[in-house]
């Protein structure tokens, strides 16, 4: 059996390979999953994604399975509890930003009906499909990520700079940035052709 070609960044770490094969670039339409990725992408700032992946189960436990309404209600005592939790990144700015972002997330849901409707509007409701042949071609940010970042910041969100938001867009499938040599690139394009997004 021929081994499937993947994006080189997936490496050989089982967690990374599973994330690449099963999640990265798959269009997300569930608000709780959107909120999870917002929290995790913010937590990653300055760190490696593999560090966050290895702590993901801890984050789910610590942040009440990423229920935005629950997180939005966290008080100072809960924040101190989180800062004492060795299972997550104990950075006060990131933890308090997660709580503030939850509150802003609820406002976006109220305004647009869902966070999903809001965030997909930045790509016209359909994934942007690129055709990169090398990782060197992938941008760190794009016009779309800058627009999204500016809008989120204007709404009071933190840890949503254009580079973080481009990584977020890649993760939740707003953009297909798998290399054209990667088996997932073609699978995701096939899903888009059949409308299964």
Protein backbone atom coordinates (compact mmCIF):
# COMPACT_ATOMS: atom_id res chain seq x y z
CA UNK A 1 0.00 0.00 0.00
CA UNK A 2 1.37 3.38 -1.00
CA UNK A 3 1.90 5.79 1.89
CA UNK A 4 -0.28 8.89 1.64
CA UNK A 5 1.57 12.14 1.12
CA UNK A 6 0.91 14.81 3.75
CA UNK A 7 1.90 18.39 4.30
CA UNK A 8 5.47 18.21 5.68
CA UNK A 9 4.54 20.09 8.87
CA UNK A 10 2.48 17.10 10.04
CA UNK A 11 5.70 15.21 10.74
CA UNK A 12 5.41 11.86 12.52
CA UNK A 13 3.98 12.84 15.91
CA UNK A 14 0.68 10.90 16.19
CA UNK A 15 -1.20 13.90 17.64
CA UNK A 16 0.02 16.17 14.86
CA UNK A 17 -0.72 13.60 12.13
CA UNK A 18 -4.24 13.04 13.48
CA UNK A 19 -4.84 16.80 13.66
CA UNK A 20 -3.61 17.22 10.09
CA UNK A 21 -5.63 14.31 8.73
CA UNK A 22 -8.87 14.82 10.63
CA UNK A 23 -9.23 18.50 11.52
CA UNK A 24 -6.93 21.04 9.87
CA UNK A 25 -8.73 22.71 7.00
CA UNK A 26 -12.05 20.95 7.58
CA UNK A 27 -14.86 23.54 7.47
CA UNK A 28 -16.26 24.14 10.96
CA UNK A 29 -19.88 25.19 11.41
CA UNK A 30 -20.34 24.48 15.12
CA UNK A 31 -20.11 27.51 17.42
CA UNK A 32 -18.60 25.60 20.33
CA UNK A 33 -15.82 24.34 18.05
CA UNK A 34 -15.29 27.88 16.76
CA UNK A 35 -14.91 29.05 20.35
CA UNK A 36 -12.52 26.20 21.18
CA UNK A 37 -10.21 27.12 18.32
CA UNK A 38 -10.34 30.82 19.25
CA UNK A 39 -9.19 29.98 22.78
CA UNK A 40 -6.53 27.51 21.64
CA UNK A 41 -5.14 29.80 18.91
CA UNK A 42 -4.87 32.61 21.46
CA UNK A 43 -3.15 30.29 23.92
CA UNK A 44 -0.66 29.30 21.23
CA UNK A 45 0.65 32.85 20.73
CA UNK A 46 4.43 32.63 21.11
CA UNK A 47 4.35 28.84 21.49
CA UNK A 48 4.21 25.81 19.20
CA UNK A 49 0.90 24.30 18.13
CA UNK A 50 2.15 20.88 19.28
CA UNK A 51 2.39 22.28 22.82
CA UNK A 52 -1.26 23.30 22.68
CA UNK A 53 -2.40 20.03 21.09
CA UNK A 54 -0.83 18.08 23.93
CA UNK A 55 -2.74 20.24 26.44
CA UNK A 56 -6.02 20.24 24.53
CA UNK A 57 -7.78 17.72 26.78
CA UNK A 58 -6.70 19.79 29.80
CA UNK A 59 -8.13 22.92 28.18
CA UNK A 60 -11.44 21.19 27.53
CA UNK A 61 -11.65 20.19 31.18
CA UNK A 62 -10.47 23.53 32.55
CA UNK A 63 -12.72 25.63 30.30
CA UNK A 64 -15.93 23.62 30.76
CA UNK A 65 -15.68 21.99 27.31
CA UNK A 66 -15.53 25.44 25.74
CA UNK A 67 -19.09 26.43 26.46
CA UNK A 68 -18.91 30.18 25.76
CA UNK A 69 -21.78 31.11 28.10
CA UNK A 70 -20.14 29.27 30.99
CA UNK A 71 -16.71 30.78 30.30
CA UNK A 72 -18.24 34.26 29.96
CA UNK A 73 -19.54 33.94 33.52
CA UNK A 74 -16.13 33.17 35.05
CA UNK A 75 -15.26 35.45 37.95
CA UNK A 76 -11.90 36.42 39.43
CA UNK A 77 -11.86 33.35 41.68
CA UNK A 78 -12.27 31.08 38.66
CA UNK A 79 -9.51 32.94 36.81
CA UNK A 80 -7.18 32.39 39.78
CA UNK A 81 -8.12 28.71 39.75
CA UNK A 82 -7.21 28.50 36.06
CA UNK A 83 -3.89 30.25 36.69
CA UNK A 84 -3.07 27.52 39.23
CA UNK A 85 -3.88 24.73 36.72
CA UNK A 86 -0.62 23.19 35.49
CA UNK A 87 -2.49 21.47 32.67
CA UNK A 88 -2.92 24.69 30.67
CA UNK A 89 -0.77 27.69 29.74
CA UNK A 90 -0.82 29.75 32.93
CA UNK A 91 -0.55 33.17 31.40
CA UNK A 92 -2.80 35.78 33.00
CA UNK A 93 -3.22 37.80 29.80
CA UNK A 94 -4.28 34.73 27.84
CA UNK A 95 -6.64 33.44 30.52
CA UNK A 96 -8.36 36.79 31.06
CA UNK A 97 -8.55 37.23 27.28
CA UNK A 98 -10.34 33.88 27.00
CA UNK A 99 -13.01 35.08 29.43
CA UNK A 100 -13.36 38.47 27.74
CA UNK A 101 -13.49 36.79 24.31
CA UNK A 102 -16.28 34.52 25.56
CA UNK A 103 -18.33 37.58 26.47
CA UNK A 104 -17.71 39.16 23.08
CA UNK A 105 -18.44 35.81 21.39
CA UNK A 106 -21.93 35.83 22.93
CA UNK A 107 -22.52 39.34 21.60
CA UNK A 108 -21.56 38.21 18.09
CA UNK A 109 -23.95 35.26 18.38
CA UNK A 110 -26.75 37.62 19.41
CA UNK A 111 -26.02 40.00 16.53
CA UNK A 112 -25.54 37.47 13.73
CA UNK A 113 -27.56 34.50 14.96
CA UNK A 114 -24.39 32.43 15.29
CA UNK A 115 -20.65 32.98 15.37
CA UNK A 116 -20.51 30.66 12.39
CA UNK A 117 -22.57 33.04 10.25
CA UNK A 118 -20.32 35.91 11.30
CA UNK A 119 -16.94 34.33 10.61
CA UNK A 120 -17.87 32.67 7.32
CA UNK A 121 -19.03 36.04 6.00
CA UNK A 122 -15.36 37.04 5.73
CA UNK A 123 -14.84 34.51 2.93
CA UNK A 124 -18.25 34.83 1.29
CA UNK A 125 -19.50 31.61 2.86
CA UNK A 126 -17.12 29.36 0.88
CA UNK A 127 -13.57 28.21 1.63
CA UNK A 128 -10.71 29.94 -0.14
CA UNK A 129 -8.83 27.18 -1.98
CA UNK A 130 -5.16 27.86 -2.59
CA UNK A 131 -2.75 25.77 -4.67
CA UNK A 132 0.53 25.88 -2.80
CA UNK A 133 3.33 23.54 -3.85
CA UNK A 134 5.68 24.39 -0.98
CA UNK A 135 5.32 25.46 2.64
CA UNK A 136 7.45 28.49 1.76
CA UNK A 137 4.54 29.80 -0.31
CA UNK A 138 2.08 29.92 2.60
CA UNK A 139 1.50 33.47 3.84
CA UNK A 140 1.60 34.40 7.53
CA UNK A 141 -1.44 36.63 7.04
CA UNK A 142 -3.74 37.75 4.23
CA UNK A 143 -6.08 40.61 3.42
CA UNK A 144 -8.95 38.49 4.75
CA UNK A 145 -7.19 37.70 8.04
CA UNK A 146 -6.33 41.38 8.49
CA UNK A 147 -9.97 42.37 7.92
CA UNK A 148 -11.19 39.68 10.33
CA UNK A 149 -8.60 40.66 12.93
CA UNK A 150 -9.52 44.33 12.71
CA UNK A 151 -13.21 43.58 13.09
CA UNK A 152 -12.68 41.25 16.07
CA UNK A 153 -10.41 43.78 17.80
CA UNK A 154 -13.04 46.46 17.21
CA UNK A 155 -15.53 44.24 19.00
CA UNK A 156 -13.23 43.87 22.02
CA UNK A 157 -11.58 40.51 21.31
CA UNK A 158 -7.93 39.94 22.32
CA UNK A 159 -5.19 37.68 20.92
CA UNK A 160 -6.76 37.95 17.47
CA UNK A 161 -3.95 39.54 15.45
CA UNK A 162 -3.86 38.92 11.69
CA UNK A 163 -1.29 36.10 11.94
CA UNK A 164 -3.23 34.32 14.69
CA UNK A 165 -6.42 34.78 12.70
CA UNK A 166 -4.87 33.36 9.54
CA UNK A 167 -3.84 30.26 11.50
CA UNK A 168 -7.41 30.18 12.79
CA UNK A 169 -8.82 30.44 9.27
CA UNK A 170 -6.61 27.54 8.18
CA UNK A 171 -7.64 25.43 11.17
CA UNK A 172 -11.40 25.88 10.76
CA UNK A 173 -11.46 25.50 6.99
CA UNK A 174 -12.10 29.05 5.88
CA UNK A 175 -9.05 28.44 3.73
CA UNK A 176 -7.65 25.20 2.30
CA UNK A 177 -3.89 25.57 2.68
CA UNK A 178 -2.95 21.90 2.36
CA UNK A 179 -0.24 21.56 -0.27
CA UNK A 180 -1.46 20.28 -3.64
CA UNK A 181 0.69 17.17 -3.09
CA UNK A 182 -1.22 16.37 0.13
CA UNK A 183 -4.04 13.81 0.03
CA UNK A 184 -6.21 16.04 2.23
CA UNK A 185 -6.07 18.89 -0.29
CA UNK A 186 -7.86 16.75 -2.84
CA UNK A 187 -10.31 15.23 -0.35
CA UNK A 188 -11.36 18.67 0.87
CA UNK A 189 -11.70 19.96 -2.68
CA UNK A 190 -13.90 16.98 -3.50
CA UNK A 191 -16.11 17.84 -0.50
CA UNK A 192 -16.41 21.40 -1.79
CA UNK A 193 -17.37 20.18 -5.25
CA UNK A 194 -20.15 18.00 -3.87
CA UNK A 195 -21.24 20.76 -1.49
CA UNK A 196 -20.42 18.65 1.57
CA UNK A 197 -19.04 21.49 3.67
